[in-house]
Amino acid sequence: MAAWPTLKEVRSLLRLQPDPTEDQIIQTALAAAVDYGVSRYGQVLVVGDDGQGNTTYTLEYRYPADTETLPDSGHQACLLHAARLYRRRDSIDGTLGFGETGVIRVGRVDADVEALYAARGPVVFG
């Protein structure tokens, strides 16, 4: 079991040295990836007691942002997702140019990230 990735882990994956400006951008991408991961794993209904004999029902995220019990697949998915979001700033309009070779469109979804999340998360049809 793991926690959500840290800035240092994402920076290491990207092979970048500490830099205050870049770290802010990486941190923003990481926060978005963690937010997506928390919502991707969905909610569970927690049944409890209010101490006066009344049953209470609360929706809680399975793996909130401060979890220490995140599956390793979720940690890896979030790490890759944060790195992808950071690099996405190089393709603001969704395309990458390769000089004389031409332009290609950046995919909307990373298949590896989705496969890792799907290993533990609920299947969503929409």
Protein backbone atom coordinates (compact mmCIF):
# COMPACT_ATOMS: atom_id res chain seq x y z
CA MET A 1 0.00 0.00 0.00
CA ALA A 2 1.10 3.55 -0.70
CA ALA A 3 0.13 7.20 -0.52
CA TRP A 4 -0.50 9.57 -3.40
CA PRO A 5 2.75 10.63 -5.13
CA THR A 6 4.80 13.58 -3.94
CA LEU A 7 6.32 16.47 -5.86
CA LYS A 8 9.74 14.88 -5.47
CA GLU A 9 8.55 11.62 -7.06
CA VAL A 10 6.99 13.39 -10.04
CA ARG A 11 10.09 15.53 -10.52
CA SER A 12 12.23 12.38 -10.41
CA LEU A 13 10.05 10.67 -13.03
CA LEU A 14 10.39 13.72 -15.26
CA ARG A 15 14.16 13.75 -14.66
CA LEU A 16 14.09 17.39 -13.52
CA GLN A 17 16.15 19.18 -10.91
CA PRO A 18 14.47 21.29 -8.20
CA ASP A 19 13.42 24.66 -9.59
CA PRO A 20 10.91 26.91 -7.78
CA THR A 21 9.11 27.94 -10.98
CA GLU A 22 8.88 24.45 -12.44
CA ASP A 23 8.00 22.95 -9.05
CA GLN A 24 4.91 25.18 -8.88
CA ILE A 25 3.77 23.92 -12.28
CA ILE A 26 4.50 20.30 -11.35
CA GLN A 27 2.63 20.75 -8.04
CA THR A 28 -0.42 22.06 -9.89
CA ALA A 29 -0.35 19.07 -12.25
CA LEU A 30 0.09 16.72 -9.28
CA ALA A 31 -2.85 18.27 -7.41
CA ALA A 32 -5.05 17.81 -10.49
CA ALA A 33 -3.90 14.19 -10.87
CA VAL A 34 -4.60 13.42 -7.20
CA ASP A 35 -8.01 15.08 -7.47
CA TYR A 36 -8.79 12.93 -10.52
CA GLY A 37 -7.54 9.81 -8.74
CA VAL A 38 -9.68 10.46 -5.67
CA SER A 39 -12.78 10.91 -7.84
CA ARG A 40 -11.83 7.99 -10.12
CA TYR A 41 -11.84 5.55 -7.22
CA GLY A 42 -15.32 6.72 -6.27
CA GLN A 43 -17.18 6.81 -3.01
CA VAL A 44 -18.38 4.24 -0.51
CA LEU A 45 -21.40 4.42 1.75
CA VAL A 46 -20.38 4.29 5.41
CA VAL A 47 -23.11 3.21 7.81
CA GLY A 48 -22.62 4.37 11.37
CA ASP A 49 -24.31 5.30 14.60
CA ASP A 50 -24.71 8.84 15.94
CA GLY A 51 -24.34 7.63 19.53
CA GLN A 52 -28.04 7.94 20.26
CA GLY A 53 -29.17 4.80 18.49
CA ASN A 54 -29.76 6.48 15.12
CA THR A 55 -28.21 5.04 11.98
CA THR A 56 -26.17 7.51 9.95
CA TYR A 57 -25.12 7.27 6.32
CA THR A 58 -22.11 9.11 4.96
CA LEU A 59 -20.47 9.04 1.54
CA GLU A 60 -16.69 8.92 1.85
CA TYR A 61 -13.98 8.59 -0.75
CA ARG A 62 -12.24 5.23 -0.62
CA TYR A 63 -8.81 6.80 -1.00
CA PRO A 64 -8.90 10.48 0.04
CA ALA A 65 -6.01 12.83 -0.69
CA ASP A 66 -4.39 12.01 2.68
CA THR A 67 -4.65 8.23 2.41
CA GLU A 68 -1.83 5.88 3.32
CA THR A 69 -3.64 2.80 1.97
CA LEU A 70 -3.66 3.58 -1.73
CA PRO A 71 -3.07 0.54 -3.96
CA ASP A 72 0.29 0.60 -5.74
CA SER A 73 -1.53 0.71 -9.09
CA GLY A 74 -3.25 3.94 -8.02
CA HIS A 75 0.06 5.46 -6.94
CA GLN A 76 1.66 4.63 -10.30
CA ALA A 77 -1.37 5.85 -12.26
CA CYS A 78 -1.34 9.19 -10.45
CA LEU A 79 2.42 9.55 -10.90
CA LEU A 80 2.17 8.99 -14.66
CA HIS A 81 -0.90 11.22 -14.89
CA ALA A 82 0.82 14.12 -13.10
CA ALA A 83 3.85 13.83 -15.40
CA ARG A 84 1.59 13.76 -18.44
CA LEU A 85 -0.30 16.85 -17.27
CA TYR A 86 2.99 18.67 -16.70
CA ARG A 87 4.22 17.80 -20.20
CA ARG A 88 0.80 18.69 -21.66
CA ARG A 89 1.68 22.37 -21.37
CA ASP A 90 3.90 21.85 -24.42
CA SER A 91 0.78 21.07 -26.45
CA ILE A 92 -1.76 23.70 -25.44
CA ASP A 93 -3.96 23.08 -28.49
CA GLY A 94 -3.64 19.29 -28.26
CA THR A 95 -1.02 18.93 -30.99
CA LEU A 96 2.75 18.46 -31.14
CA GLY A 97 4.84 19.64 -34.06
CA PHE A 98 7.86 17.73 -35.31
CA GLY A 99 9.37 20.20 -37.77
CA GLU A 100 9.36 18.79 -41.29
CA THR A 101 7.77 15.55 -40.10
CA GLY A 102 4.46 17.24 -39.35
CA VAL A 103 1.98 17.58 -36.53
CA ILE A 104 0.32 14.87 -34.45
CA ARG A 105 -2.63 15.10 -32.08
CA VAL A 106 -2.04 14.26 -28.42
CA GLY A 107 -4.44 11.57 -27.21
CA ARG A 108 -7.16 12.58 -24.80
CA VAL A 109 -6.54 9.65 -22.46
CA ASP A 110 -3.38 7.79 -21.50
CA ALA A 111 -4.18 4.08 -21.88
CA ASP A 112 -1.64 3.05 -19.23
CA VAL A 113 -3.03 5.46 -16.65
CA GLU A 114 -6.58 4.30 -17.27
CA ALA A 115 -5.57 0.63 -17.12
CA LEU A 116 -3.86 1.18 -13.77
CA TYR A 117 -6.87 3.01 -12.33
CA ALA A 118 -9.24 0.38 -13.74
CA ALA A 119 -7.31 -2.37 -11.93
CA ARG A 120 -8.93 -1.21 -8.66
CA GLY A 121 -11.44 1.49 -9.47
CA PRO A 122 -15.07 1.13 -10.47
CA VAL A 123 -15.98 0.77 -14.12
CA VAL A 124 -17.68 3.94 -15.32
CA PHE A 125 -19.97 4.04 -18.34
CA GLY A 126 -20.93 7.43 -19.62
